[in-house]
PDB file of N, CA and C in Angstrom:
ATOM      1  N   MET A   1    -102.534  -4.574  -1.255  1.00  0.00           N
ATOM      2  CA  MET A   1    -103.454  -5.636  -0.943  1.00  0.00           C
ATOM      3  C   MET A   1    -102.693  -6.926  -0.631  1.00  0.00           C
ATOM      4  N   VAL A   2    -101.700  -7.240  -1.434  1.00  0.00           N
ATOM      5  CA  VAL A   2    -100.928  -8.459  -1.209  1.00  0.00           C
ATOM      6  C   VAL A   2    -100.190  -8.379   0.121  1.00  0.00           C
ATOM      7  N   ARG A   3     -99.603  -7.246   0.412  1.00  0.00           N
ATOM      8  CA  ARG A   3     -98.872  -7.059   1.668  1.00  0.00           C
ATOM      9  C   ARG A   3     -99.816  -7.203   2.869  1.00  0.00           C
ATOM     10  N   LEU A   4    -100.980  -6.582   2.807  1.00  0.00           N
ATOM     11  CA  LEU A   4    -101.938  -6.650   3.902  1.00  0.00           C
ATOM     12  C   LEU A   4    -102.410  -8.081   4.125  1.00  0.00           C
ATOM     13  N   ALA A   5    -102.686  -8.801   3.052  1.00  0.00           N
ATOM     14  CA  ALA A   5    -103.096 -10.196   3.180  1.00  0.00           C
ATOM     15  C   ALA A   5    -101.975 -11.021   3.817  1.00  0.00           C
ATOM     16  N   GLY A   6    -100.736 -10.762   3.397  1.00  0.00           N
ATOM     17  CA  GLY A   6     -99.597 -11.484   3.943  1.00  0.00           C
ATOM     18  C   GLY A   6     -99.421 -11.260   5.429  1.00  0.00           C
ATOM     19  N   LEU A   7     -99.729 -10.069   5.906  1.00  0.00           N
ATOM     20  CA  LEU A   7     -99.627  -9.783   7.335  1.00  0.00           C
ATOM     21  C   LEU A   7    -100.566 -10.654   8.160  1.00  0.00           C
ATOM     22  N   PHE A   8    -101.662 -11.081   7.550  1.00  0.00           N
ATOM     23  CA  PHE A   8    -102.631 -11.929   8.236  1.00  0.00           C
ATOM     24  C   PHE A   8    -102.507 -13.397   7.836  1.00  0.00           C
ATOM     25  N   GLY A   9    -101.397 -13.740   7.152  1.00  0.00           N
ATOM     26  CA  GLY A   9    -101.155 -15.127   6.778  1.00  0.00           C
ATOM     27  C   GLY A   9    -102.039 -15.618   5.654  1.00  0.00           C
ATOM     28  N   ARG A  10    -102.520 -14.722   4.828  1.00  0.00           N
ATOM     29  CA  ARG A  10    -103.415 -15.086   3.729  1.00  0.00           C
ATOM     30  C   ARG A  10    -102.773 -14.767   2.392  1.00  0.00           C
ATOM     31  N   ARG A  11    -103.283 -15.392   1.330  1.00  0.00           N
ATOM     32  CA  ARG A  11    -102.862 -15.080  -0.026  1.00  0.00           C
ATOM     33  C   ARG A  11    -103.773 -13.960  -0.527  1.00  0.00           C
ATOM     34  N   GLY A  12    -103.213 -12.987  -1.190  1.00  0.00           N
ATOM     35  CA  GLY A  12    -104.020 -11.881  -1.686  1.00  0.00           C
ATOM     36  C   GLY A  12    -103.591 -11.464  -3.076  1.00  0.00           C
ATOM     37  N   GLY A  13    -104.449 -10.761  -3.743  1.00  0.00           N
ATOM     38  CA  GLY A  13    -104.146 -10.270  -5.076  1.00  0.00           C
ATOM     39  C   GLY A  13    -105.315  -9.490  -5.619  1.00  0.00           C
ATOM     40  N   SER A  14    -105.165  -9.028  -6.821  1.00  0.00           N
ATOM     41  CA  SER A  14    -106.266  -8.300  -7.446  1.00  0.00           C
ATOM     42  C   SER A  14    -106.220  -8.497  -8.951  1.00  0.00           C
ATOM     43  N   VAL A  15    -107.374  -8.397  -9.556  1.00  0.00           N
ATOM     44  CA  VAL A  15    -107.503  -8.448 -11.011  1.00  0.00           C
ATOM     45  C   VAL A  15    -108.078  -7.101 -11.412  1.00  0.00           C
ATOM     46  N   ARG A  16    -107.422  -6.448 -12.344  1.00  0.00           N
ATOM     47  CA  ARG A  16    -107.840  -5.100 -12.721  1.00  0.00           C
ATOM     48  C   ARG A  16    -108.154  -5.021 -14.208  1.00  0.00           C
ATOM     49  N   SER A  17    -108.950  -4.047 -14.536  1.00  0.00           N
ATOM     50  CA  SER A  17    -109.304  -3.813 -15.931  1.00  0.00           C
ATOM     51  C   SER A  17    -109.434  -2.315 -16.155  1.00  0.00           C
ATOM     52  N   VAL A  18    -109.239  -1.892 -17.370  1.00  0.00           N
ATOM     53  CA  VAL A  18    -109.371  -0.484 -17.729  1.00  0.00           C
ATOM     54  C   VAL A  18    -110.843  -0.178 -17.986  1.00  0.00           C
ATOM     55  N   VAL A  19    -111.327   0.922 -17.421  1.00  0.00           N
ATOM     56  CA  VAL A  19    -112.714   1.314 -17.654  1.00  0.00           C
ATOM     57  C   VAL A  19    -112.832   2.593 -18.465  1.00  0.00           C
ATOM     58  N   GLY A  20    -111.740   3.310 -18.614  1.00  0.00           N
ATOM     59  CA  GLY A  20    -111.804   4.527 -19.410  1.00  0.00           C
ATOM     60  C   GLY A  20    -110.557   5.367 -19.267  1.00  0.00           C
ATOM     61  N   ASN A  21    -110.510   6.432 -20.023  1.00  0.00           N
ATOM     62  CA  ASN A  21    -109.410   7.375 -19.991  1.00  0.00           C
ATOM     63  C   ASN A  21    -109.954   8.690 -19.461  1.00  0.00           C
ATOM     64  N   ALA A  22    -109.718   8.965 -18.186  1.00  0.00           N
ATOM     65  CA  ALA A  22    -110.270  10.164 -17.556  1.00  0.00           C
ATOM     66  C   ALA A  22    -109.693  11.442 -18.159  1.00  0.00           C
ATOM     67  N   LEU A  23    -108.441  11.420 -18.573  1.00  0.00           N
ATOM     68  CA  LEU A  23    -107.828  12.620 -19.138  1.00  0.00           C
ATOM     69  C   LEU A  23    -108.441  13.004 -20.486  1.00  0.00           C
ATOM     70  N   ALA A  24    -108.770  11.989 -21.284  1.00  0.00           N
ATOM     71  CA  ALA A  24    -109.354  12.246 -22.605  1.00  0.00           C
ATOM     72  C   ALA A  24    -110.877  12.178 -22.576  1.00  0.00           C
ATOM     73  N   ASN A  25    -111.439  11.869 -21.403  1.00  0.00           N
ATOM     74  CA  ASN A  25    -112.894  11.750 -21.244  1.00  0.00           C
ATOM     75  C   ASN A  25    -113.494  10.737 -22.221  1.00  0.00           C
ATOM     76  N   ARG A  26    -112.822   9.579 -22.345  1.00  0.00           N
ATOM     77  CA  ARG A  26    -113.299   8.506 -23.227  1.00  0.00           C
ATOM     78  C   ARG A  26    -113.500   7.238 -22.420  1.00  0.00           C
ATOM     79  N   LEU A  27    -114.582   6.531 -22.678  1.00  0.00           N
ATOM     80  CA  LEU A  27    -114.832   5.253 -22.034  1.00  0.00           C
ATOM     81  C   LEU A  27    -114.101   4.150 -22.781  1.00  0.00           C
ATOM     82  N   PHE A  28    -113.743   3.113 -22.057  1.00  0.00           N
ATOM     83  CA  PHE A  28    -113.071   1.957 -22.632  1.00  0.00           C
ATOM     84  C   PHE A  28    -114.047   1.142 -23.460  1.00  0.00           C
ATOM     85  N   THR A  29    -113.599   0.654 -24.593  1.00  0.00           N
ATOM     86  CA  THR A  29    -114.388  -0.263 -25.425  1.00  0.00           C
ATOM     87  C   THR A  29    -113.641  -1.586 -25.480  1.00  0.00           C
ATOM     88  N   ALA A  30    -114.290  -2.638 -25.017  1.00  0.00           N
ATOM     89  CA  ALA A  30    -113.648  -3.952 -25.002  1.00  0.00           C
ATOM     90  C   ALA A  30    -113.350  -4.401 -26.419  1.00  0.00           C
ATOM     91  N   GLY A  31    -112.138  -4.865 -26.622  1.00  0.00           N
ATOM     92  CA  GLY A  31    -111.730  -5.353 -27.930  1.00  0.00           C
ATOM     93  C   GLY A  31    -111.438  -6.830 -27.887  1.00  0.00           C
ATOM     94  N   ALA A  32    -110.801  -7.302 -28.929  1.00  0.00           N
ATOM     95  CA  ALA A  32    -110.444  -8.717 -29.030  1.00  0.00           C
ATOM     96  C   ALA A  32    -109.550  -9.109 -27.863  1.00  0.00           C
ATOM     97  N   GLY A  33    -109.861 -10.193 -27.235  1.00  0.00           N
ATOM     98  CA  GLY A  33    -109.048 -10.705 -26.154  1.00  0.00           C
ATOM     99  C   GLY A  33    -109.453 -10.265 -24.759  1.00  0.00           C
ATOM    100  N   HIS A  34    -110.336  -9.278 -24.662  1.00  0.00           N
ATOM    101  CA  HIS A  34    -110.711  -8.777 -23.334  1.00  0.00           C
ATOM    102  C   HIS A  34    -111.416  -9.859 -22.517  1.00  0.00           C
ATOM    103  N   VAL A  35    -112.374 -10.523 -23.098  1.00  0.00           N
ATOM    104  CA  VAL A  35    -113.108 -11.589 -22.393  1.00  0.00           C
ATOM    105  C   VAL A  35    -112.171 -12.753 -22.087  1.00  0.00           C
ATOM    106  N   ALA A  36    -111.288 -13.077 -23.028  1.00  0.00           N
ATOM    107  CA  ALA A  36    -110.337 -14.170 -22.801  1.00  0.00           C
ATOM    108  C   ALA A  36    -109.396 -13.844 -21.648  1.00  0.00           C
ATOM    109  N   ALA A  37    -108.986 -12.588 -21.526  1.00  0.00           N
ATOM    110  CA  ALA A  37    -108.098 -12.185 -20.428  1.00  0.00           C
ATOM    111  C   ALA A  37    -108.792 -12.346 -19.082  1.00  0.00           C
ATOM    112  N   ILE A  38    -110.050 -12.004 -19.018  1.00  0.00           N
ATOM    113  CA  ILE A  38    -110.814 -12.176 -17.780  1.00  0.00           C
ATOM    114  C   ILE A  38    -110.938 -13.655 -17.446  1.00  0.00           C
ATOM    115  N   ASP A  39    -111.185 -14.479 -18.462  1.00  0.00           N
ATOM    116  CA  ASP A  39    -111.301 -15.919 -18.269  1.00  0.00           C
ATOM    117  C   ASP A  39    -109.999 -16.504 -17.727  1.00  0.00           C
ATOM    118  N   VAL A  40    -108.868 -16.082 -18.262  1.00  0.00           N
ATOM    119  CA  VAL A  40    -107.569 -16.564 -17.796  1.00  0.00           C
ATOM    120  C   VAL A  40    -107.354 -16.174 -16.334  1.00  0.00           C
ATOM    121  N   ALA A  41    -107.705 -14.945 -15.981  1.00  0.00           N
ATOM    122  CA  ALA A  41    -107.546 -14.495 -14.595  1.00  0.00           C
ATOM    123  C   ALA A  41    -108.409 -15.323 -13.645  1.00  0.00           C
ATOM    124  N   LEU A  42    -109.631 -15.586 -14.045  1.00  0.00           N
ATOM    125  CA  LEU A  42    -110.520 -16.383 -13.192  1.00  0.00           C
ATOM    126  C   LEU A  42    -110.026 -17.819 -13.055  1.00  0.00           C
ATOM    127  N   ARG A  43    -109.507 -18.394 -14.126  1.00  0.00           N
ATOM    128  CA  ARG A  43    -108.938 -19.742 -14.038  1.00  0.00           C
ATOM    129  C   ARG A  43    -107.739 -19.767 -13.103  1.00  0.00           C
ATOM    130  N   GLY A  44    -106.964 -18.707 -13.120  1.00  0.00           N
ATOM    131  CA  GLY A  44    -105.828 -18.616 -12.208  1.00  0.00           C
ATOM    132  C   GLY A  44    -106.263 -18.610 -10.760  1.00  0.00           C
ATOM    133  N   VAL A  45    -107.334 -17.883 -10.464  1.00  0.00           N
ATOM    134  CA  VAL A  45    -107.860 -17.836  -9.098  1.00  0.00           C
ATOM    135  C   VAL A  45    -108.342 -19.228  -8.677  1.00  0.00           C
ATOM    136  N   VAL A  46    -109.011 -19.928  -9.582  1.00  0.00           N
ATOM    137  CA  VAL A  46    -109.475 -21.292  -9.285  1.00  0.00           C
ATOM    138  C   VAL A  46    -108.279 -22.202  -9.010  1.00  0.00           C
ATOM    139  N   GLN A  47    -107.244 -22.074  -9.828  1.00  0.00           N
ATOM    140  CA  GLN A  47    -106.058 -22.912  -9.651  1.00  0.00           C
ATOM    141  C   GLN A  47    -105.393 -22.641  -8.306  1.00  0.00           C
ATOM    142  N   LEU A  48    -105.269 -21.372  -7.938  1.00  0.00           N
ATOM    143  CA  LEU A  48    -104.669 -21.046  -6.641  1.00  0.00           C
ATOM    144  C   LEU A  48    -105.496 -21.605  -5.488  1.00  0.00           C
ATOM    145  N   ALA A  49    -106.811 -21.541  -5.599  1.00  0.00           N
ATOM    146  CA  ALA A  49    -107.679 -22.089  -4.551  1.00  0.00           C
ATOM    147  C   ALA A  49    -107.486 -23.595  -4.430  1.00  0.00           C
ATOM    148  N   ARG A  50    -107.360 -24.283  -5.564  1.00  0.00           N
ATOM    149  CA  ARG A  50    -107.138 -25.737  -5.527  1.00  0.00           C
ATOM    150  C   ARG A  50    -105.785 -26.067  -4.905  1.00  0.00           C
ATOM    151  N   LEU A  51    -104.766 -25.315  -5.262  1.00  0.00           N
ATOM    152  CA  LEU A  51    -103.447 -25.562  -4.686  1.00  0.00           C
ATOM    153  C   LEU A  51    -103.443 -25.277  -3.187  1.00  0.00           C
ATOM    154  N   ASP A  52    -104.129 -24.224  -2.768  1.00  0.00           N
ATOM    155  CA  ASP A  52    -104.225 -23.917  -1.338  1.00  0.00           C
ATOM    156  C   ASP A  52    -104.945 -25.028  -0.589  1.00  0.00           C
ATOM    157  N   ALA A  53    -106.023 -25.557  -1.174  1.00  0.00           N
ATOM    158  CA  ALA A  53    -106.768 -26.641  -0.539  1.00  0.00           C
ATOM    159  C   ALA A  53    -105.908 -27.896  -0.426  1.00  0.00           C
ATOM    160  N   ALA A  54    -105.129 -28.200  -1.460  1.00  0.00           N
ATOM    161  CA  ALA A  54    -104.250 -29.362  -1.426  1.00  0.00           C
ATOM    162  C   ALA A  54    -103.151 -29.185  -0.385  1.00  0.00           C
ATOM    163  N   THR A  55    -102.637 -27.969  -0.265  1.00  0.00           N
ATOM    164  CA  THR A  55    -101.617 -27.690   0.746  1.00  0.00           C
ATOM    165  C   THR A  55    -102.179 -27.889   2.143  1.00  0.00           C
ATOM    166  N   ALA A  56    -103.382 -27.375   2.374  1.00  0.00           N
ATOM    167  CA  ALA A  56    -104.015 -27.539   3.691  1.00  0.00           C
ATOM    168  C   ALA A  56    -104.282 -29.004   3.981  1.00  0.00           C
ATOM    169  N   ALA A  57    -104.705 -29.762   2.961  1.00  0.00           N
ATOM    170  CA  ALA A  57    -105.013 -31.181   3.156  1.00  0.00           C
ATOM    171  C   ALA A  57    -103.760 -32.006   3.422  1.00  0.00           C
ATOM    172  N   SER A  58    -102.616 -31.575   2.906  1.00  0.00           N
ATOM    173  CA  SER A  58    -101.379 -32.341   3.087  1.00  0.00           C
ATOM    174  C   SER A  58    -100.864 -32.266   4.520  1.00  0.00           C
ATOM    175  N   GLY A  59    -101.219 -31.177   5.220  1.00  0.00           N
ATOM    176  CA  GLY A  59    -100.791 -31.025   6.595  1.00  0.00           C
ATOM    177  C   GLY A  59     -99.335 -30.623   6.764  1.00  0.00           C
ATOM    178  N   SER A  60     -98.598 -30.505   5.666  1.00  0.00           N
ATOM    179  CA  SER A  60     -97.173 -30.179   5.775  1.00  0.00           C
ATOM    180  C   SER A  60     -96.908 -28.677   5.754  1.00  0.00           C
ATOM    181  N   GLY A  61     -97.895 -27.898   5.376  1.00  0.00           N
ATOM    182  CA  GLY A  61     -97.707 -26.455   5.320  1.00  0.00           C
ATOM    183  C   GLY A  61     -97.186 -25.961   3.990  1.00  0.00           C
ATOM    184  N   HIS A  62     -96.778 -26.888   3.130  1.00  0.00           N
ATOM    185  CA  HIS A  62     -96.339 -26.495   1.788  1.00  0.00           C
ATOM    186  C   HIS A  62     -96.569 -27.647   0.817  1.00  0.00           C
ATOM    187  N   ARG A  63     -96.600 -27.326  -0.430  1.00  0.00           N
ATOM    188  CA  ARG A  63     -96.824 -28.336  -1.462  1.00  0.00           C
ATOM    189  C   ARG A  63     -96.112 -27.889  -2.724  1.00  0.00           C
ATOM    190  N   VAL A  64     -95.413 -28.796  -3.347  1.00  0.00           N
ATOM    191  CA  VAL A  64     -94.736 -28.494  -4.604  1.00  0.00           C
ATOM    192  C   VAL A  64     -95.329 -29.397  -5.681  1.00  0.00           C
ATOM    193  N   PRO A  65     -96.246 -28.858  -6.498  1.00  0.00           N
ATOM    194  CA  PRO A  65     -96.864 -29.693  -7.535  1.00  0.00           C
ATOM    195  C   PRO A  65     -95.916 -29.919  -8.706  1.00  0.00           C
ATOM    196  N   THR A  66     -96.157 -30.969  -9.444  1.00  0.00           N
ATOM    197  CA  THR A  66     -95.399 -31.167 -10.671  1.00  0.00           C
ATOM    198  C   THR A  66     -95.926 -30.184 -11.715  1.00  0.00           C
ATOM    199  N   PRO A  67     -95.130 -29.809 -12.695  1.00  0.00           N
ATOM    200  CA  PRO A  67     -95.580 -28.845 -13.706  1.00  0.00           C
ATOM    201  C   PRO A  67     -96.861 -29.301 -14.394  1.00  0.00           C
ATOM    202  N   LEU A  68     -97.800 -28.399 -14.500  1.00  0.00           N
ATOM    203  CA  LEU A  68     -99.078 -28.606 -15.181  1.00  0.00           C
ATOM    204  C   LEU A  68     -99.924 -29.722 -14.580  1.00  0.00           C
ATOM    205  N   GLU A  69     -99.619 -30.114 -13.367  1.00  0.00           N
ATOM    206  CA  GLU A  69    -100.314 -31.219 -12.712  1.00  0.00           C
ATOM    207  C   GLU A  69    -101.829 -31.017 -12.669  1.00  0.00           C
ATOM    208  N   ASP A  70    -102.269 -29.856 -12.224  1.00  0.00           N
ATOM    209  CA  ASP A  70    -103.689 -29.623 -12.038  1.00  0.00           C
ATOM    210  C   ASP A  70    -104.303 -28.701 -13.090  1.00  0.00           C
ATOM    211  N   MET A  71    -103.542 -28.281 -14.080  1.00  0.00           N
ATOM    212  CA  MET A  71    -104.033 -27.278 -15.022  1.00  0.00           C
ATOM    213  C   MET A  71    -105.211 -27.762 -15.866  1.00  0.00           C
ATOM    214  N   ALA A  72    -105.275 -29.042 -16.193  1.00  0.00           N
ATOM    215  CA  ALA A  72    -106.367 -29.549 -17.016  1.00  0.00           C
ATOM    216  C   ALA A  72    -107.717 -29.371 -16.329  1.00  0.00           C
ATOM    217  N   GLU A  73    -107.725 -29.378 -15.014  1.00  0.00           N
ATOM    218  CA  GLU A  73    -108.977 -29.264 -14.265  1.00  0.00           C
ATOM    219  C   GLU A  73    -109.557 -27.853 -14.300  1.00  0.00           C
ATOM    220  N   THR A  74    -108.787 -26.869 -14.713  1.00  0.00           N
ATOM    221  CA  THR A  74    -109.298 -25.498 -14.728  1.00  0.00           C
ATOM    222  C   THR A  74    -109.981 -25.146 -16.035  1.00  0.00           C
ATOM    223  N   ARG A  75    -109.942 -26.019 -16.997  1.00  0.00           N
ATOM    224  CA  ARG A  75    -110.551 -25.726 -18.315  1.00  0.00           C
ATOM    225  C   ARG A  75    -112.033 -25.997 -18.302  1.00  0.00           C
TER     226      ARG A  75
END
């Protein structure tokens, strides 16, 4: 997916989760941290979108943010 997106000049990625164990015929049961992991992944996607928008707005084609510059806005 990342390679295909790159061929078209886009950023790509995927977020995955376990749904079960097909070999043991058992379904996945969400445990501690599962919801938090999804939340972190979604915040990451928001952060990447903000950085992409800032890069496009700068007109330079690239942007190097300072560490943790925009992270507070994703909470």
